[in-house]
Amino acid sequence: MANYRLNLNQQPNGDYEVHESGCTYYPTVNYNDLGSYNSCGPAVSEAKRKYPSKQINGCVHCSKPCHTS
């Protein structure tokens, strides 16, 4: 299992990205800890549940199966 965090700094395209621990872009400031999961899918779902008004996406580098834009 890996720990996932939501970066609360919005990307230029409007996304808020979910990152897996060990990712180069894993946030260390201004983030929400989403917990530990076996894959990015449940982590992205949790981020969307916590922040329904935000455009949530998986990181293209560490959560590629959940990256949609």
C-alpha atoms as a PDB file:
ATOM      1  CA  MET A   1       0.000   0.000   0.000  1.00  0.00           C
ATOM      2  CA  ALA A   2       1.119   3.540  -0.698  1.00  0.00           C
ATOM      3  CA  ASN A   3       0.207   6.833   0.906  1.00  0.00           C
ATOM      4  CA  TYR A   4      -1.533   9.401  -1.299  1.00  0.00           C
ATOM      5  CA  ARG A   5      -1.825  13.162  -1.024  1.00  0.00           C
ATOM      6  CA  LEU A   6      -3.866  15.757  -2.860  1.00  0.00           C
ATOM      7  CA  ASN A   7      -1.847  18.792  -3.883  1.00  0.00           C
ATOM      8  CA  LEU A   8      -3.978  21.822  -2.994  1.00  0.00           C
ATOM      9  CA  ASN A   9      -2.035  24.029  -5.421  1.00  0.00           C
ATOM     10  CA  GLN A  10      -4.107  24.197  -8.590  1.00  0.00           C
ATOM     11  CA  GLN A  11      -2.380  23.304 -11.864  1.00  0.00           C
ATOM     12  CA  PRO A  12      -2.545  25.725 -14.845  1.00  0.00           C
ATOM     13  CA  ASN A  13      -5.221  23.522 -16.485  1.00  0.00           C
ATOM     14  CA  GLY A  14      -7.437  23.711 -13.364  1.00  0.00           C
ATOM     15  CA  ASP A  15      -6.604  20.253 -11.975  1.00  0.00           C
ATOM     16  CA  TYR A  16      -5.748  19.378  -8.391  1.00  0.00           C
ATOM     17  CA  GLU A  17      -3.485  16.339  -8.585  1.00  0.00           C
ATOM     18  CA  VAL A  18      -3.308  13.199  -6.458  1.00  0.00           C
ATOM     19  CA  HIS A  19       0.248  11.944  -5.846  1.00  0.00           C
ATOM     20  CA  GLU A  20       1.648   8.670  -4.512  1.00  0.00           C
ATOM     21  CA  SER A  21       4.436   8.682  -1.921  1.00  0.00           C
ATOM     22  CA  GLY A  22       7.792   8.508  -3.684  1.00  0.00           C
ATOM     23  CA  CYS A  23       6.652  10.727  -6.562  1.00  0.00           C
ATOM     24  CA  THR A  24       8.984  13.558  -7.523  1.00  0.00           C
ATOM     25  CA  TYR A  25       5.967  15.872  -7.209  1.00  0.00           C
ATOM     26  CA  TYR A  26       4.673  14.466  -3.884  1.00  0.00           C
ATOM     27  CA  PRO A  27       3.599  17.612  -2.019  1.00  0.00           C
ATOM     28  CA  THR A  28       5.246  18.515   1.276  1.00  0.00           C
ATOM     29  CA  VAL A  29       3.307  21.748   1.837  1.00  0.00           C
ATOM     30  CA  ASN A  30      -0.308  22.751   1.054  1.00  0.00           C
ATOM     31  CA  TYR A  31      -1.749  19.264   0.698  1.00  0.00           C
ATOM     32  CA  ASN A  32      -4.450  16.986   2.074  1.00  0.00           C
ATOM     33  CA  ASP A  33      -3.393  13.517   3.207  1.00  0.00           C
ATOM     34  CA  LEU A  34      -5.793  11.040   1.604  1.00  0.00           C
ATOM     35  CA  GLY A  35      -4.522   7.882   3.312  1.00  0.00           C
ATOM     36  CA  SER A  36      -3.053   4.571   2.163  1.00  0.00           C
ATOM     37  CA  TYR A  37      -4.450   2.628  -0.773  1.00  0.00           C
ATOM     38  CA  ASN A  38      -3.488  -0.247  -3.076  1.00  0.00           C
ATOM     39  CA  SER A  39      -3.898   1.945  -6.161  1.00  0.00           C
ATOM     40  CA  CYS A  40      -4.642   5.493  -7.257  1.00  0.00           C
ATOM     41  CA  GLY A  41      -8.350   4.845  -7.996  1.00  0.00           C
ATOM     42  CA  PRO A  42      -9.592   4.843  -4.401  1.00  0.00           C
ATOM     43  CA  ALA A  43      -7.313   7.784  -3.553  1.00  0.00           C
ATOM     44  CA  VAL A  44      -8.761   9.875  -6.384  1.00  0.00           C
ATOM     45  CA  SER A  45     -12.280   8.860  -5.320  1.00  0.00           C
ATOM     46  CA  GLU A  46     -11.543   9.976  -1.753  1.00  0.00           C
ATOM     47  CA  ALA A  47     -10.195  13.321  -3.001  1.00  0.00           C
ATOM     48  CA  LYS A  48     -13.336  13.834  -5.093  1.00  0.00           C
ATOM     49  CA  ARG A  49     -15.508  12.986  -2.076  1.00  0.00           C
ATOM     50  CA  LYS A  50     -13.652  15.478   0.131  1.00  0.00           C
ATOM     51  CA  TYR A  51     -13.536  18.203  -2.521  1.00  0.00           C
ATOM     52  CA  PRO A  52     -16.556  17.773  -4.822  1.00  0.00           C
ATOM     53  CA  SER A  53     -16.193  21.244  -6.325  1.00  0.00           C
ATOM     54  CA  LYS A  54     -12.538  20.743  -7.344  1.00  0.00           C
ATOM     55  CA  GLN A  55     -11.318  19.245 -10.614  1.00  0.00           C
ATOM     56  CA  ILE A  56      -9.369  16.208  -9.304  1.00  0.00           C
ATOM     57  CA  ASN A  57      -6.941  14.211 -11.417  1.00  0.00           C
ATOM     58  CA  GLY A  58      -4.181  11.663 -10.905  1.00  0.00           C
ATOM     59  CA  CYS A  59      -0.573  12.696 -11.452  1.00  0.00           C
ATOM     60  CA  VAL A  60       0.681  11.728 -14.925  1.00  0.00           C
ATOM     61  CA  HIS A  61       3.962  10.519 -13.378  1.00  0.00           C
ATOM     62  CA  CYS A  62       2.916   8.452 -10.344  1.00  0.00           C
ATOM     63  CA  SER A  63      -0.825   7.867 -10.832  1.00  0.00           C
ATOM     64  CA  LYS A  64      -0.943   7.451 -14.603  1.00  0.00           C
ATOM     65  CA  PRO A  65      -3.948   5.048 -14.615  1.00  0.00           C
ATOM     66  CA  CYS A  66      -5.958   7.837 -12.931  1.00  0.00           C
ATOM     67  CA  HIS A  67      -4.679  10.686 -15.105  1.00  0.00           C
ATOM     68  CA  THR A  68      -7.470  11.817 -17.436  1.00  0.00           C
ATOM     69  CA  SER A  69      -6.436  15.197 -18.837  1.00  0.00           C
END
